[in-house]
Amino acid sequence: MQITVVDGQGGGIGKTVIEKLRSELGDEIQILALGTNALATSLMLKAGANEGATGENAIVYNAPKADIIIGSVAIIAANSMLGEMTPLMAKAIAESPAKKVLMPLNRCHIYIVGVSREPLPHYVNYVVDFVKNSIRGE
């Protein structure tokens, strides 16, 4: 199963997700880190991703190959992350046949009503639970 984590800016969200996935699932999954910039990719690689790539073409090329794509809701919003998420990147992720596991962080001015506001570690736990259940076929 190919798990792809997408992040930008400082890469802190992606780093946190990858560290938790590794601690819970070990080496049984392949994690691809896709960063909108080199800093984000580097941080996610240090957190335990198997491979990493940076930039628009890397995201456009790899998004359709993923089984699960993980990130904040900003990864499907054109020009989010202070403009780092280009329209082509957002389109490639949104149109990918992969399951998208999106954390409802409202930094990109997208508010998902009916979702309680929680700290990032809680969302990361939900992401890891989703991946575990997907691996088990649930």
N, C-alpha and C. Protein backbone atom coordinates (compact mmCIF):
# COMPACT_ATOMS: atom_id res chain seq x y z
N MET A 1 0.85 -1.17 0.00
CA MET A 1 0.00 0.00 0.00
C MET A 1 0.89 1.23 0.00
N GLN A 2 0.62 2.16 -0.90
CA GLN A 2 1.40 3.41 -1.01
C GLN A 2 0.68 4.54 -0.27
N ILE A 3 1.28 4.97 0.82
CA ILE A 3 0.76 6.09 1.60
C ILE A 3 1.56 7.32 1.18
N THR A 4 0.88 8.37 0.78
CA THR A 4 1.53 9.60 0.37
C THR A 4 1.12 10.72 1.33
N VAL A 5 2.11 11.41 1.86
CA VAL A 5 1.87 12.53 2.75
C VAL A 5 2.30 13.80 2.03
N VAL A 6 1.41 14.77 1.95
CA VAL A 6 1.68 16.02 1.25
C VAL A 6 1.68 17.16 2.26
N ASP A 7 2.73 17.98 2.20
CA ASP A 7 2.80 19.13 3.09
C ASP A 7 3.65 20.22 2.43
N GLY A 8 3.57 21.40 2.99
CA GLY A 8 4.33 22.53 2.48
C GLY A 8 4.81 23.39 3.62
N GLN A 9 5.18 24.61 3.30
CA GLN A 9 5.71 25.56 4.26
C GLN A 9 6.80 24.89 5.09
N GLY A 10 6.65 24.74 6.40
CA GLY A 10 7.71 24.15 7.22
C GLY A 10 7.71 22.64 7.29
N GLY A 11 6.63 21.99 6.84
CA GLY A 11 6.56 20.54 6.84
C GLY A 11 6.23 19.91 8.18
N GLY A 12 5.84 20.71 9.16
CA GLY A 12 5.59 20.19 10.50
C GLY A 12 4.41 19.23 10.59
N ILE A 13 3.36 19.48 9.86
CA ILE A 13 2.20 18.59 9.89
C ILE A 13 2.58 17.24 9.29
N GLY A 14 3.22 17.26 8.14
CA GLY A 14 3.66 16.02 7.50
C GLY A 14 4.62 15.23 8.37
N LYS A 15 5.54 15.93 9.00
CA LYS A 15 6.49 15.30 9.91
C LYS A 15 5.77 14.57 11.03
N THR A 16 4.81 15.24 11.65
CA THR A 16 4.07 14.67 12.76
C THR A 16 3.29 13.43 12.33
N VAL A 17 2.66 13.51 11.16
CA VAL A 17 1.89 12.37 10.64
C VAL A 17 2.81 11.18 10.37
N ILE A 18 3.93 11.42 9.73
CA ILE A 18 4.84 10.33 9.38
C ILE A 18 5.44 9.69 10.62
N GLU A 19 5.83 10.49 11.60
CA GLU A 19 6.37 9.93 12.84
C GLU A 19 5.35 9.01 13.51
N LYS A 20 4.10 9.43 13.55
CA LYS A 20 3.05 8.63 14.20
C LYS A 20 2.76 7.36 13.40
N LEU A 21 2.70 7.49 12.06
CA LEU A 21 2.49 6.30 11.23
C LEU A 21 3.61 5.28 11.45
N ARG A 22 4.84 5.75 11.48
CA ARG A 22 5.99 4.85 11.69
C ARG A 22 5.94 4.20 13.07
N SER A 23 5.59 4.97 14.09
CA SER A 23 5.56 4.40 15.44
C SER A 23 4.45 3.36 15.59
N GLU A 24 3.36 3.55 14.88
CA GLU A 24 2.22 2.62 14.99
C GLU A 24 2.30 1.44 14.03
N LEU A 25 2.85 1.67 12.83
CA LEU A 25 2.82 0.63 11.79
C LEU A 25 4.19 0.14 11.36
N GLY A 26 5.24 0.73 11.86
CA GLY A 26 6.59 0.28 11.54
C GLY A 26 6.87 0.34 10.04
N ASP A 27 7.52 -0.69 9.56
CA ASP A 27 7.94 -0.72 8.16
C ASP A 27 6.96 -1.46 7.26
N GLU A 28 5.78 -1.77 7.75
CA GLU A 28 4.83 -2.52 6.91
C GLU A 28 4.18 -1.67 5.82
N ILE A 29 4.39 -0.35 5.88
CA ILE A 29 3.84 0.53 4.84
C ILE A 29 4.95 1.32 4.17
N GLN A 30 4.71 1.70 2.93
CA GLN A 30 5.60 2.57 2.18
C GLN A 30 5.05 3.99 2.28
N ILE A 31 5.88 4.91 2.70
CA ILE A 31 5.45 6.30 2.82
C ILE A 31 6.25 7.16 1.84
N LEU A 32 5.53 7.87 1.00
CA LEU A 32 6.13 8.82 0.07
C LEU A 32 5.81 10.22 0.58
N ALA A 33 6.85 11.02 0.80
CA ALA A 33 6.69 12.40 1.23
C ALA A 33 6.73 13.30 0.01
N LEU A 34 5.68 14.07 -0.19
CA LEU A 34 5.64 15.04 -1.28
C LEU A 34 5.54 16.43 -0.67
N GLY A 35 6.57 17.22 -0.88
CA GLY A 35 6.59 18.56 -0.34
C GLY A 35 6.42 19.61 -1.42
N THR A 36 5.78 20.70 -1.05
CA THR A 36 5.69 21.81 -1.99
C THR A 36 7.02 22.56 -2.05
N ASN A 37 7.89 22.31 -1.06
CA ASN A 37 9.22 22.92 -1.05
C ASN A 37 10.20 21.93 -0.44
N ALA A 38 11.49 22.19 -0.63
CA ALA A 38 12.53 21.26 -0.19
C ALA A 38 12.58 21.10 1.33
N LEU A 39 12.31 22.17 2.06
CA LEU A 39 12.33 22.08 3.52
C LEU A 39 11.28 21.09 4.02
N ALA A 40 10.07 21.19 3.49
CA ALA A 40 8.99 20.28 3.91
C ALA A 40 9.35 18.84 3.57
N THR A 41 9.85 18.61 2.37
CA THR A 41 10.23 17.25 1.96
C THR A 41 11.33 16.71 2.87
N SER A 42 12.34 17.51 3.13
CA SER A 42 13.46 17.08 3.97
C SER A 42 13.01 16.70 5.37
N LEU A 43 12.15 17.50 5.95
CA LEU A 43 11.66 17.22 7.30
C LEU A 43 10.86 15.91 7.33
N MET A 44 10.05 15.69 6.28
CA MET A 44 9.25 14.46 6.24
C MET A 44 10.14 13.23 6.02
N LEU A 45 11.22 13.37 5.25
CA LEU A 45 12.16 12.27 5.08
C LEU A 45 12.85 11.93 6.39
N LYS A 46 13.26 12.95 7.13
CA LYS A 46 13.88 12.73 8.44
C LYS A 46 12.93 12.07 9.41
N ALA A 47 11.63 12.30 9.23
CA ALA A 47 10.62 11.70 10.12
C ALA A 47 10.38 10.23 9.82
N GLY A 48 10.89 9.73 8.67
CA GLY A 48 10.75 8.31 8.39
C GLY A 48 10.12 7.93 7.07
N ALA A 49 9.88 8.89 6.19
CA ALA A 49 9.34 8.54 4.87
C ALA A 49 10.37 7.71 4.10
N ASN A 50 9.89 6.76 3.31
CA ASN A 50 10.79 5.93 2.50
C ASN A 50 11.44 6.72 1.37
N GLU A 51 10.64 7.58 0.75
CA GLU A 51 11.11 8.39 -0.36
C GLU A 51 10.48 9.76 -0.26
N GLY A 52 11.06 10.71 -0.99
CA GLY A 52 10.49 12.04 -1.01
C GLY A 52 10.77 12.73 -2.32
N ALA A 53 9.89 13.63 -2.67
CA ALA A 53 10.06 14.43 -3.88
C ALA A 53 9.44 15.80 -3.62
N THR A 54 9.91 16.77 -4.40
CA THR A 54 9.52 18.15 -4.14
C THR A 54 8.97 18.82 -5.38
N GLY A 55 7.95 19.64 -5.19
CA GLY A 55 7.48 20.54 -6.23
C GLY A 55 6.26 20.08 -6.99
N GLU A 56 5.85 20.96 -7.90
CA GLU A 56 4.61 20.74 -8.65
C GLU A 56 4.63 19.45 -9.46
N ASN A 57 5.68 19.23 -10.23
CA ASN A 57 5.70 18.04 -11.07
C ASN A 57 5.69 16.76 -10.24
N ALA A 58 6.42 16.75 -9.14
CA ALA A 58 6.45 15.57 -8.28
C ALA A 58 5.06 15.23 -7.75
N ILE A 59 4.32 16.24 -7.35
CA ILE A 59 2.98 16.01 -6.83
C ILE A 59 2.02 15.59 -7.94
N VAL A 60 2.08 16.27 -9.07
CA VAL A 60 1.21 15.93 -10.19
C VAL A 60 1.49 14.51 -10.69
N TYR A 61 2.75 14.12 -10.73
CA TYR A 61 3.14 12.80 -11.22
C TYR A 61 2.76 11.68 -10.25
N ASN A 62 2.95 11.91 -8.96
CA ASN A 62 2.77 10.85 -7.97
C ASN A 62 1.37 10.73 -7.38
N ALA A 63 0.58 11.78 -7.39
CA ALA A 63 -0.75 11.73 -6.78
C ALA A 63 -1.63 10.61 -7.34
N PRO A 64 -1.65 10.38 -8.66
CA PRO A 64 -2.50 9.31 -9.18
C PRO A 64 -2.03 7.90 -8.81
N LYS A 65 -0.80 7.77 -8.35
CA LYS A 65 -0.24 6.45 -8.01
C LYS A 65 -0.48 6.05 -6.56
N ALA A 66 -0.94 6.98 -5.75
CA ALA A 66 -1.10 6.73 -4.31
C ALA A 66 -2.36 5.92 -4.03
N ASP A 67 -2.32 5.17 -2.95
CA ASP A 67 -3.51 4.49 -2.45
C ASP A 67 -4.24 5.39 -1.45
N ILE A 68 -3.46 6.10 -0.64
CA ILE A 68 -4.00 7.03 0.35
C ILE A 68 -3.15 8.29 0.30
N ILE A 69 -3.80 9.45 0.25
CA ILE A 69 -3.10 10.73 0.32
C ILE A 69 -3.53 11.42 1.61
N ILE A 70 -2.54 11.84 2.39
CA ILE A 70 -2.79 12.45 3.69
C ILE A 70 -2.26 13.89 3.69
N GLY A 71 -3.04 14.79 4.28
CA GLY A 71 -2.60 16.17 4.44
C GLY A 71 -3.70 17.00 5.06
N SER A 72 -3.45 18.27 5.17
CA SER A 72 -4.52 19.16 5.64
C SER A 72 -5.47 19.42 4.47
N VAL A 73 -6.62 19.96 4.76
CA VAL A 73 -7.60 20.26 3.72
C VAL A 73 -7.01 21.23 2.69
N ALA A 74 -5.96 21.94 3.05
CA ALA A 74 -5.31 22.90 2.14
C ALA A 74 -4.72 22.23 0.90
N ILE A 75 -4.46 20.93 0.95
CA ILE A 75 -3.82 20.29 -0.21
C ILE A 75 -4.75 20.15 -1.41
N ILE A 76 -6.04 20.40 -1.20
CA ILE A 76 -6.96 20.39 -2.35
C ILE A 76 -7.49 21.78 -2.66
N ALA A 77 -6.82 22.80 -2.11
CA ALA A 77 -7.23 24.19 -2.32
C ALA A 77 -6.14 24.93 -3.10
N ALA A 78 -6.47 25.33 -4.31
CA ALA A 78 -5.50 26.05 -5.14
C ALA A 78 -5.02 27.32 -4.44
N ASN A 79 -3.74 27.55 -4.52
CA ASN A 79 -3.07 28.74 -3.99
C ASN A 79 -3.06 28.82 -2.46
N SER A 80 -3.36 27.72 -1.79
CA SER A 80 -3.27 27.71 -0.33
C SER A 80 -1.80 27.63 0.09
N MET A 81 -1.55 27.56 1.35
CA MET A 81 -0.20 27.53 1.91
C MET A 81 0.62 28.72 1.42
N LEU A 82 -0.01 29.88 1.45
CA LEU A 82 0.62 31.13 1.01
C LEU A 82 1.06 31.07 -0.45
N GLY A 83 0.31 30.31 -1.25
CA GLY A 83 0.59 30.22 -2.67
C GLY A 83 1.45 29.04 -3.07
N GLU A 84 1.94 28.27 -2.11
CA GLU A 84 2.78 27.11 -2.44
C GLU A 84 2.00 26.00 -3.14
N MET A 85 0.73 25.83 -2.80
CA MET A 85 -0.08 24.78 -3.42
C MET A 85 -0.66 25.34 -4.72
N THR A 86 -0.04 25.00 -5.82
CA THR A 86 -0.48 25.55 -7.11
C THR A 86 -1.80 24.91 -7.53
N PRO A 87 -2.51 25.55 -8.44
CA PRO A 87 -3.75 24.96 -8.94
C PRO A 87 -3.55 23.55 -9.52
N LEU A 88 -2.44 23.31 -10.22
CA LEU A 88 -2.19 21.97 -10.77
C LEU A 88 -1.97 20.92 -9.69
N MET A 89 -1.28 21.30 -8.63
CA MET A 89 -1.08 20.38 -7.51
C MET A 89 -2.41 20.01 -6.87
N ALA A 90 -3.21 21.02 -6.55
CA ALA A 90 -4.50 20.78 -5.90
C ALA A 90 -5.41 19.93 -6.78
N LYS A 91 -5.40 20.20 -8.07
CA LYS A 91 -6.23 19.44 -9.01
C LYS A 91 -5.78 17.98 -9.07
N ALA A 92 -4.47 17.75 -9.14
CA ALA A 92 -3.95 16.38 -9.20
C ALA A 92 -4.33 15.58 -7.97
N ILE A 93 -4.26 16.21 -6.81
CA ILE A 93 -4.62 15.51 -5.58
C ILE A 93 -6.12 15.25 -5.53
N ALA A 94 -6.91 16.27 -5.84
CA ALA A 94 -8.37 16.13 -5.79
C ALA A 94 -8.87 15.08 -6.78
N GLU A 95 -8.24 14.99 -7.95
CA GLU A 95 -8.68 14.05 -8.98
C GLU A 95 -8.06 12.66 -8.86
N SER A 96 -7.11 12.49 -7.97
CA SER A 96 -6.48 11.19 -7.78
C SER A 96 -7.52 10.17 -7.33
N PRO A 97 -7.39 8.92 -7.80
CA PRO A 97 -8.31 7.89 -7.32
C PRO A 97 -8.02 7.45 -5.89
N ALA A 98 -6.95 7.94 -5.31
CA ALA A 98 -6.60 7.59 -3.92
C ALA A 98 -7.65 8.07 -2.94
N LYS A 99 -7.72 7.39 -1.80
CA LYS A 99 -8.52 7.89 -0.70
C LYS A 99 -7.78 9.11 -0.16
N LYS A 100 -8.50 10.19 0.07
CA LYS A 100 -7.91 11.39 0.64
C LYS A 100 -8.30 11.49 2.11
N VAL A 101 -7.29 11.58 2.96
CA VAL A 101 -7.51 11.72 4.40
C VAL A 101 -7.05 13.12 4.75
N LEU A 102 -8.01 14.02 4.93
CA LEU A 102 -7.72 15.43 5.10
C LEU A 102 -8.05 15.91 6.51
N MET A 103 -7.12 16.59 7.10
CA MET A 103 -7.33 17.15 8.43
C MET A 103 -7.93 18.54 8.29
N PRO A 104 -9.01 18.84 9.01
CA PRO A 104 -9.72 20.10 8.83
C PRO A 104 -9.07 21.27 9.55
N LEU A 105 -7.83 21.57 9.19
CA LEU A 105 -7.14 22.73 9.75
C LEU A 105 -7.54 23.93 8.92
N ASN A 106 -7.94 25.01 9.55
CA ASN A 106 -8.56 26.12 8.83
C ASN A 106 -7.61 27.24 8.44
N ARG A 107 -6.36 26.96 8.24
CA ARG A 107 -5.40 27.98 7.86
C ARG A 107 -5.64 28.52 6.44
N CYS A 108 -6.37 27.79 5.64
CA CYS A 108 -6.58 28.23 4.25
C CYS A 108 -7.97 28.84 4.07
N HIS A 109 -8.59 29.24 5.16
CA HIS A 109 -9.91 29.88 5.14
C HIS A 109 -11.00 28.96 4.61
N ILE A 110 -10.83 27.66 4.84
CA ILE A 110 -11.88 26.69 4.54
C ILE A 110 -12.34 26.15 5.89
N TYR A 111 -13.61 26.31 6.16
CA TYR A 111 -14.18 25.85 7.42
C TYR A 111 -15.16 24.74 7.12
N ILE A 112 -14.99 23.64 7.79
CA ILE A 112 -15.87 22.49 7.60
C ILE A 112 -16.82 22.46 8.79
N VAL A 113 -18.06 22.81 8.53
CA VAL A 113 -19.02 22.88 9.62
C VAL A 113 -19.36 21.48 10.10
N GLY A 114 -19.70 21.38 11.36
CA GLY A 114 -20.05 20.09 11.94
C GLY A 114 -18.85 19.31 12.44
N VAL A 115 -17.66 19.85 12.24
CA VAL A 115 -16.45 19.19 12.71
C VAL A 115 -15.94 19.97 13.91
N SER A 116 -15.73 19.27 15.00
CA SER A 116 -15.25 19.97 16.19
C SER A 116 -13.78 20.34 16.03
N ARG A 117 -13.43 21.48 16.55
CA ARG A 117 -12.05 21.95 16.47
C ARG A 117 -11.23 21.20 17.52
N GLU A 118 -10.17 20.54 17.06
CA GLU A 118 -9.32 19.77 17.95
C GLU A 118 -7.86 20.09 17.67
N PRO A 119 -7.00 19.77 18.61
CA PRO A 119 -5.58 20.00 18.38
C PRO A 119 -5.02 19.01 17.36
N LEU A 120 -3.93 19.39 16.70
CA LEU A 120 -3.32 18.57 15.66
C LEU A 120 -3.06 17.12 16.10
N PRO A 121 -2.54 16.86 17.30
CA PRO A 121 -2.29 15.46 17.68
C PRO A 121 -3.55 14.57 17.62
N HIS A 122 -4.71 15.13 17.90
CA HIS A 122 -5.94 14.33 17.81
C HIS A 122 -6.23 13.97 16.36
N TYR A 123 -6.07 14.95 15.45
CA TYR A 123 -6.29 14.67 14.04
C TYR A 123 -5.30 13.63 13.53
N VAL A 124 -4.06 13.71 13.97
CA VAL A 124 -3.05 12.74 13.55
C VAL A 124 -3.44 11.34 14.03
N ASN A 125 -3.97 11.22 15.23
CA ASN A 125 -4.44 9.92 15.71
C ASN A 125 -5.57 9.39 14.83
N TYR A 126 -6.48 10.25 14.41
CA TYR A 126 -7.57 9.83 13.52
C TYR A 126 -7.01 9.35 12.18
N VAL A 127 -6.01 10.05 11.68
CA VAL A 127 -5.37 9.66 10.41
C VAL A 127 -4.77 8.26 10.54
N VAL A 128 -4.01 8.03 11.59
CA VAL A 128 -3.36 6.73 11.79
C VAL A 128 -4.41 5.63 11.93
N ASP A 129 -5.48 5.87 12.66
CA ASP A 129 -6.55 4.88 12.78
C ASP A 129 -7.16 4.57 11.42
N PHE A 130 -7.36 5.58 10.60
CA PHE A 130 -7.91 5.38 9.26
C PHE A 130 -6.98 4.50 8.42
N VAL A 131 -5.69 4.79 8.46
CA VAL A 131 -4.73 4.00 7.69
C VAL A 131 -4.71 2.55 8.18
N LYS A 132 -4.71 2.35 9.49
CA LYS A 132 -4.74 0.99 10.03
C LYS A 132 -5.96 0.22 9.53
N ASN A 133 -7.12 0.86 9.59
CA ASN A 133 -8.35 0.21 9.14
C ASN A 133 -8.32 -0.06 7.64
N SER A 134 -7.72 0.82 6.87
CA SER A 134 -7.62 0.61 5.42
C SER A 134 -6.71 -0.57 5.10
N ILE A 135 -5.64 -0.69 5.84
CA ILE A 135 -4.73 -1.83 5.64
C ILE A 135 -5.42 -3.14 5.95
N ARG A 136 -6.25 -3.12 6.97
CA ARG A 136 -6.98 -4.33 7.38
C ARG A 136 -8.21 -4.60 6.51
N GLY A 137 -8.50 -3.68 5.59
CA GLY A 137 -9.65 -3.85 4.71
C GLY A 137 -10.97 -3.45 5.32
N GLU A 138 -10.94 -2.67 6.37
CA GLU A 138 -12.16 -2.26 7.07
C GLU A 138 -12.70 -0.97 6.50
